[in-house]
C-alpha atoms as a PDB file:
ATOM      1  CA  UNK A   1      51.555 -18.261 -77.165  1.00  0.00           C
ATOM      2  CA  UNK A   2      55.209 -19.169 -77.686  1.00  0.00           C
ATOM      3  CA  UNK A   3      55.186 -21.202 -74.466  1.00  0.00           C
ATOM      4  CA  UNK A   4      52.118 -23.125 -75.653  1.00  0.00           C
ATOM      5  CA  UNK A   5      53.815 -23.908 -78.977  1.00  0.00           C
ATOM      6  CA  UNK A   6      56.971 -25.021 -77.138  1.00  0.00           C
ATOM      7  CA  UNK A   7      54.895 -27.403 -75.001  1.00  0.00           C
ATOM      8  CA  UNK A   8      53.162 -28.747 -78.092  1.00  0.00           C
ATOM      9  CA  UNK A   9      56.547 -29.343 -79.729  1.00  0.00           C
ATOM     10  CA  UNK A  10      57.585 -31.465 -76.734  1.00  0.00           C
ATOM     11  CA  UNK A  11      54.316 -33.420 -76.708  1.00  0.00           C
ATOM     12  CA  UNK A  12      53.562 -36.412 -78.885  1.00  0.00           C
ATOM     13  CA  UNK A  13      51.336 -34.195 -81.007  1.00  0.00           C
ATOM     14  CA  UNK A  14      54.279 -32.035 -81.999  1.00  0.00           C
ATOM     15  CA  UNK A  15      56.417 -34.871 -83.318  1.00  0.00           C
ATOM     16  CA  UNK A  16      55.924 -35.854 -86.926  1.00  0.00           C
ATOM     17  CA  UNK A  17      52.181 -35.288 -86.777  1.00  0.00           C
ATOM     18  CA  UNK A  18      50.613 -35.818 -90.178  1.00  0.00           C
ATOM     19  CA  UNK A  19      47.036 -35.123 -89.149  1.00  0.00           C
ATOM     20  CA  UNK A  20      45.710 -32.952 -86.348  1.00  0.00           C
ATOM     21  CA  UNK A  21      42.100 -32.232 -85.484  1.00  0.00           C
ATOM     22  CA  UNK A  22      40.968 -29.404 -83.216  1.00  0.00           C
ATOM     23  CA  UNK A  23      37.513 -28.663 -81.883  1.00  0.00           C
ATOM     24  CA  UNK A  24      36.848 -25.331 -80.228  1.00  0.00           C
ATOM     25  CA  UNK A  25      34.015 -23.829 -78.237  1.00  0.00           C
ATOM     26  CA  UNK A  26      34.039 -20.047 -78.113  1.00  0.00           C
ATOM     27  CA  UNK A  27      31.770 -17.491 -76.547  1.00  0.00           C
ATOM     28  CA  UNK A  28      31.598 -14.714 -79.151  1.00  0.00           C
ATOM     29  CA  UNK A  29      33.528 -13.026 -81.966  1.00  0.00           C
ATOM     30  CA  UNK A  30      36.460 -11.939 -79.783  1.00  0.00           C
ATOM     31  CA  UNK A  31      36.949 -15.390 -78.251  1.00  0.00           C
ATOM     32  CA  UNK A  32      36.481 -16.885 -81.719  1.00  0.00           C
ATOM     33  CA  UNK A  33      39.257 -14.612 -83.019  1.00  0.00           C
ATOM     34  CA  UNK A  34      41.499 -15.872 -80.222  1.00  0.00           C
ATOM     35  CA  UNK A  35      40.891 -19.473 -81.334  1.00  0.00           C
ATOM     36  CA  UNK A  36      41.532 -18.596 -84.982  1.00  0.00           C
ATOM     37  CA  UNK A  37      44.828 -16.898 -84.104  1.00  0.00           C
ATOM     38  CA  UNK A  38      45.941 -19.907 -82.087  1.00  0.00           C
ATOM     39  CA  UNK A  39      44.935 -22.342 -84.848  1.00  0.00           C
ATOM     40  CA  UNK A  40      46.702 -20.252 -87.487  1.00  0.00           C
ATOM     41  CA  UNK A  41      49.895 -20.333 -85.399  1.00  0.00           C
ATOM     42  CA  UNK A  42      49.490 -24.056 -84.760  1.00  0.00           C
ATOM     43  CA  UNK A  43      48.979 -24.850 -88.448  1.00  0.00           C
ATOM     44  CA  UNK A  44      52.062 -22.804 -89.299  1.00  0.00           C
ATOM     45  CA  UNK A  45      54.024 -24.614 -86.588  1.00  0.00           C
ATOM     46  CA  UNK A  46      52.953 -28.019 -87.922  1.00  0.00           C
ATOM     47  CA  UNK A  47      53.901 -27.162 -91.491  1.00  0.00           C
ATOM     48  CA  UNK A  48      52.474 -28.111 -94.845  1.00  0.00           C
ATOM     49  CA  UNK A  49      52.953 -31.856 -94.324  1.00  0.00           C
ATOM     50  CA  UNK A  50      50.256 -31.921 -91.650  1.00  0.00           C
ATOM     51  CA  UNK A  51      46.566 -32.067 -92.497  1.00  0.00           C
ATOM     52  CA  UNK A  52      44.983 -29.620 -90.056  1.00  0.00           C
ATOM     53  CA  UNK A  53      41.241 -29.696 -89.358  1.00  0.00           C
ATOM     54  CA  UNK A  54      39.383 -27.198 -87.178  1.00  0.00           C
ATOM     55  CA  UNK A  55      35.767 -27.374 -86.017  1.00  0.00           C
ATOM     56  CA  UNK A  56      34.281 -24.333 -84.301  1.00  0.00           C
ATOM     57  CA  UNK A  57      31.230 -24.131 -82.044  1.00  0.00           C
ATOM     58  CA  UNK A  58      29.662 -21.101 -80.415  1.00  0.00           C
ATOM     59  CA  UNK A  59      28.537 -21.624 -76.834  1.00  0.00           C
ATOM     60  CA  UNK A  60      25.021 -20.627 -77.856  1.00  0.00           C
ATOM     61  CA  UNK A  61      24.954 -23.583 -80.273  1.00  0.00           C
ATOM     62  CA  UNK A  62      25.799 -25.942 -77.412  1.00  0.00           C
ATOM     63  CA  UNK A  63      22.464 -25.058 -75.772  1.00  0.00           C
ATOM     64  CA  UNK A  64      20.679 -27.130 -78.425  1.00  0.00           C
ATOM     65  CA  UNK A  65      20.907 -30.804 -77.363  1.00  0.00           C
ATOM     66  CA  UNK A  66      21.255 -32.142 -80.916  1.00  0.00           C
ATOM     67  CA  UNK A  67      24.054 -29.704 -81.758  1.00  0.00           C
ATOM     68  CA  UNK A  68      25.732 -30.350 -78.413  1.00  0.00           C
ATOM     69  CA  UNK A  69      25.738 -34.089 -79.212  1.00  0.00           C
ATOM     70  CA  UNK A  70      27.363 -33.465 -82.604  1.00  0.00           C
ATOM     71  CA  UNK A  71      29.951 -31.157 -81.034  1.00  0.00           C
ATOM     72  CA  UNK A  72      30.660 -33.771 -78.341  1.00  0.00           C
ATOM     73  CA  UNK A  73      31.344 -36.467 -80.949  1.00  0.00           C
ATOM     74  CA  UNK A  74      33.727 -34.115 -82.731  1.00  0.00           C
ATOM     75  CA  UNK A  75      35.500 -33.225 -79.471  1.00  0.00           C
ATOM     76  CA  UNK A  76      35.811 -36.883 -78.498  1.00  0.00           C
ATOM     77  CA  UNK A  77      37.629 -37.563 -81.765  1.00  0.00           C
ATOM     78  CA  UNK A  78      39.815 -34.430 -81.651  1.00  0.00           C
ATOM     79  CA  UNK A  79      43.498 -34.209 -80.773  1.00  0.00           C
ATOM     80  CA  UNK A  80      43.098 -30.730 -79.253  1.00  0.00           C
ATOM     81  CA  UNK A  81      39.945 -29.423 -77.580  1.00  0.00           C
ATOM     82  CA  UNK A  82      39.883 -25.657 -77.069  1.00  0.00           C
ATOM     83  CA  UNK A  83      37.649 -23.686 -74.725  1.00  0.00           C
ATOM     84  CA  UNK A  84      37.844 -19.926 -75.329  1.00  0.00           C
ATOM     85  CA  UNK A  85      35.729 -17.848 -72.958  1.00  0.00           C
ATOM     86  CA  UNK A  86      35.560 -14.565 -71.077  1.00  0.00           C
ATOM     87  CA  UNK A  87      36.129 -14.431 -67.342  1.00  0.00           C
ATOM     88  CA  UNK A  88      33.228 -15.603 -65.202  1.00  0.00           C
ATOM     89  CA  UNK A  89      32.567 -17.448 -61.959  1.00  0.00           C
ATOM     90  CA  UNK A  90      32.137 -20.724 -63.845  1.00  0.00           C
ATOM     91  CA  UNK A  91      31.638 -22.146 -67.288  1.00  0.00           C
ATOM     92  CA  UNK A  92      28.095 -21.955 -68.649  1.00  0.00           C
ATOM     93  CA  UNK A  93      25.988 -25.087 -68.032  1.00  0.00           C
ATOM     94  CA  UNK A  94      25.884 -25.925 -71.754  1.00  0.00           C
ATOM     95  CA  UNK A  95      29.696 -26.082 -71.846  1.00  0.00           C
ATOM     96  CA  UNK A  96      29.809 -28.337 -68.816  1.00  0.00           C
ATOM     97  CA  UNK A  97      27.161 -30.582 -70.409  1.00  0.00           C
ATOM     98  CA  UNK A  98      29.195 -30.661 -73.640  1.00  0.00           C
ATOM     99  CA  UNK A  99      32.336 -31.604 -71.722  1.00  0.00           C
ATOM    100  CA  UNK A 100      30.487 -34.373 -69.858  1.00  0.00           C
ATOM    101  CA  UNK A 101      29.248 -35.774 -73.173  1.00  0.00           C
ATOM    102  CA  UNK A 102      32.646 -35.895 -74.878  1.00  0.00           C
ATOM    103  CA  UNK A 103      34.357 -37.279 -71.792  1.00  0.00           C
ATOM    104  CA  UNK A 104      32.036 -40.282 -72.022  1.00  0.00           C
ATOM    105  CA  UNK A 105      32.921 -40.756 -75.707  1.00  0.00           C
ATOM    106  CA  UNK A 106      36.644 -39.994 -75.725  1.00  0.00           C
ATOM    107  CA  UNK A 107      39.296 -42.390 -76.929  1.00  0.00           C
ATOM    108  CA  UNK A 108      42.456 -43.316 -75.067  1.00  0.00           C
ATOM    109  CA  UNK A 109      44.930 -41.586 -77.341  1.00  0.00           C
ATOM    110  CA  UNK A 110      47.007 -38.589 -76.250  1.00  0.00           C
ATOM    111  CA  UNK A 111      44.976 -35.400 -76.312  1.00  0.00           C
ATOM    112  CA  UNK A 112      45.239 -31.827 -75.142  1.00  0.00           C
ATOM    113  CA  UNK A 113      42.686 -29.544 -73.500  1.00  0.00           C
ATOM    114  CA  UNK A 114      43.547 -25.894 -74.101  1.00  0.00           C
ATOM    115  CA  UNK A 115      41.875 -22.984 -72.296  1.00  0.00           C
ATOM    116  CA  UNK A 116      42.147 -19.540 -73.865  1.00  0.00           C
ATOM    117  CA  UNK A 117      41.152 -16.754 -71.478  1.00  0.00           C
ATOM    118  CA  UNK A 118      40.882 -12.956 -71.462  1.00  0.00           C
ATOM    119  CA  UNK A 119      43.808 -10.884 -70.233  1.00  0.00           C
ATOM    120  CA  UNK A 120      44.270 -11.157 -66.483  1.00  0.00           C
ATOM    121  CA  UNK A 121      43.522  -7.461 -65.961  1.00  0.00           C
ATOM    122  CA  UNK A 122      39.952  -8.056 -67.186  1.00  0.00           C
ATOM    123  CA  UNK A 123      39.169 -10.578 -64.464  1.00  0.00           C
ATOM    124  CA  UNK A 124      40.199 -13.801 -62.839  1.00  0.00           C
ATOM    125  CA  UNK A 125      39.265 -17.135 -64.352  1.00  0.00           C
ATOM    126  CA  UNK A 126      40.780 -19.332 -61.635  1.00  0.00           C
ATOM    127  CA  UNK A 127      37.586 -21.306 -60.943  1.00  0.00           C
ATOM    128  CA  UNK A 128      37.094 -22.098 -64.642  1.00  0.00           C
ATOM    129  CA  UNK A 129      40.777 -22.945 -64.939  1.00  0.00           C
ATOM    130  CA  UNK A 130      40.578 -25.290 -61.930  1.00  0.00           C
ATOM    131  CA  UNK A 131      37.492 -26.995 -63.369  1.00  0.00           C
ATOM    132  CA  UNK A 132      39.138 -27.538 -66.763  1.00  0.00           C
ATOM    133  CA  UNK A 133      42.353 -28.741 -65.135  1.00  0.00           C
ATOM    134  CA  UNK A 134      40.354 -31.332 -63.164  1.00  0.00           C
ATOM    135  CA  UNK A 135      38.579 -32.404 -66.363  1.00  0.00           C
ATOM    136  CA  UNK A 136      41.923 -32.847 -68.120  1.00  0.00           C
ATOM    137  CA  UNK A 137      43.465 -34.776 -65.240  1.00  0.00           C
ATOM    138  CA  UNK A 138      40.445 -37.063 -64.969  1.00  0.00           C
ATOM    139  CA  UNK A 139      40.536 -37.723 -68.710  1.00  0.00           C
ATOM    140  CA  UNK A 140      44.333 -38.140 -68.728  1.00  0.00           C
ATOM    141  CA  UNK A 141      44.694 -35.200 -71.083  1.00  0.00           C
ATOM    142  CA  UNK A 142      47.430 -32.622 -71.076  1.00  0.00           C
ATOM    143  CA  UNK A 143      46.083 -29.253 -69.892  1.00  0.00           C
ATOM    144  CA  UNK A 144      47.375 -25.937 -71.246  1.00  0.00           C
ATOM    145  CA  UNK A 145      46.079 -22.466 -70.475  1.00  0.00           C
ATOM    146  CA  UNK A 146      46.786 -19.097 -72.041  1.00  0.00           C
ATOM    147  CA  UNK A 147      45.577 -15.619 -71.194  1.00  0.00           C
ATOM    148  CA  UNK A 148      45.972 -12.982 -73.908  1.00  0.00           C
ATOM    149  CA  UNK A 149      48.516 -10.916 -72.014  1.00  0.00           C
ATOM    150  CA  UNK A 150      50.492 -13.671 -70.295  1.00  0.00           C
ATOM    151  CA  UNK A 151      53.535 -14.831 -72.219  1.00  0.00           C
ATOM    152  CA  UNK A 152      53.472 -18.319 -70.785  1.00  0.00           C
ATOM    153  CA  UNK A 153      51.024 -21.001 -69.858  1.00  0.00           C
ATOM    154  CA  UNK A 154      50.433 -21.927 -66.245  1.00  0.00           C
END
């Protein structure tokens, strides 16, 4: 996580940020915990002079079209969008639909897409990582990825 924080410090978001909004989609309680730990570290990194806002969505909530639309609006307005999932062949369809929605709504300001994955020994998430990297590149977002047991991002 230190490498992620170092990258954030070098980005425009890490310089004199007075307000930062994050929106996260997580799969379950363990992936939710991962997001909370990251956000706690980020808020501490930003300091007390930064207003930090965090919105959390469970993947199951993104199956409901109305909730997915609300989550997409929040993600489109966020500075950091976080996807925290377990290893799988691909992201669930509801997550891909959510991403498609917020990509169509997003603004042109600097934003970050952060993927938080399980430890490498529990599986490989390379296809999900490649998909999210392509999303970030297409949206001109910075892409960061962290697995629980890897000390640096890729």
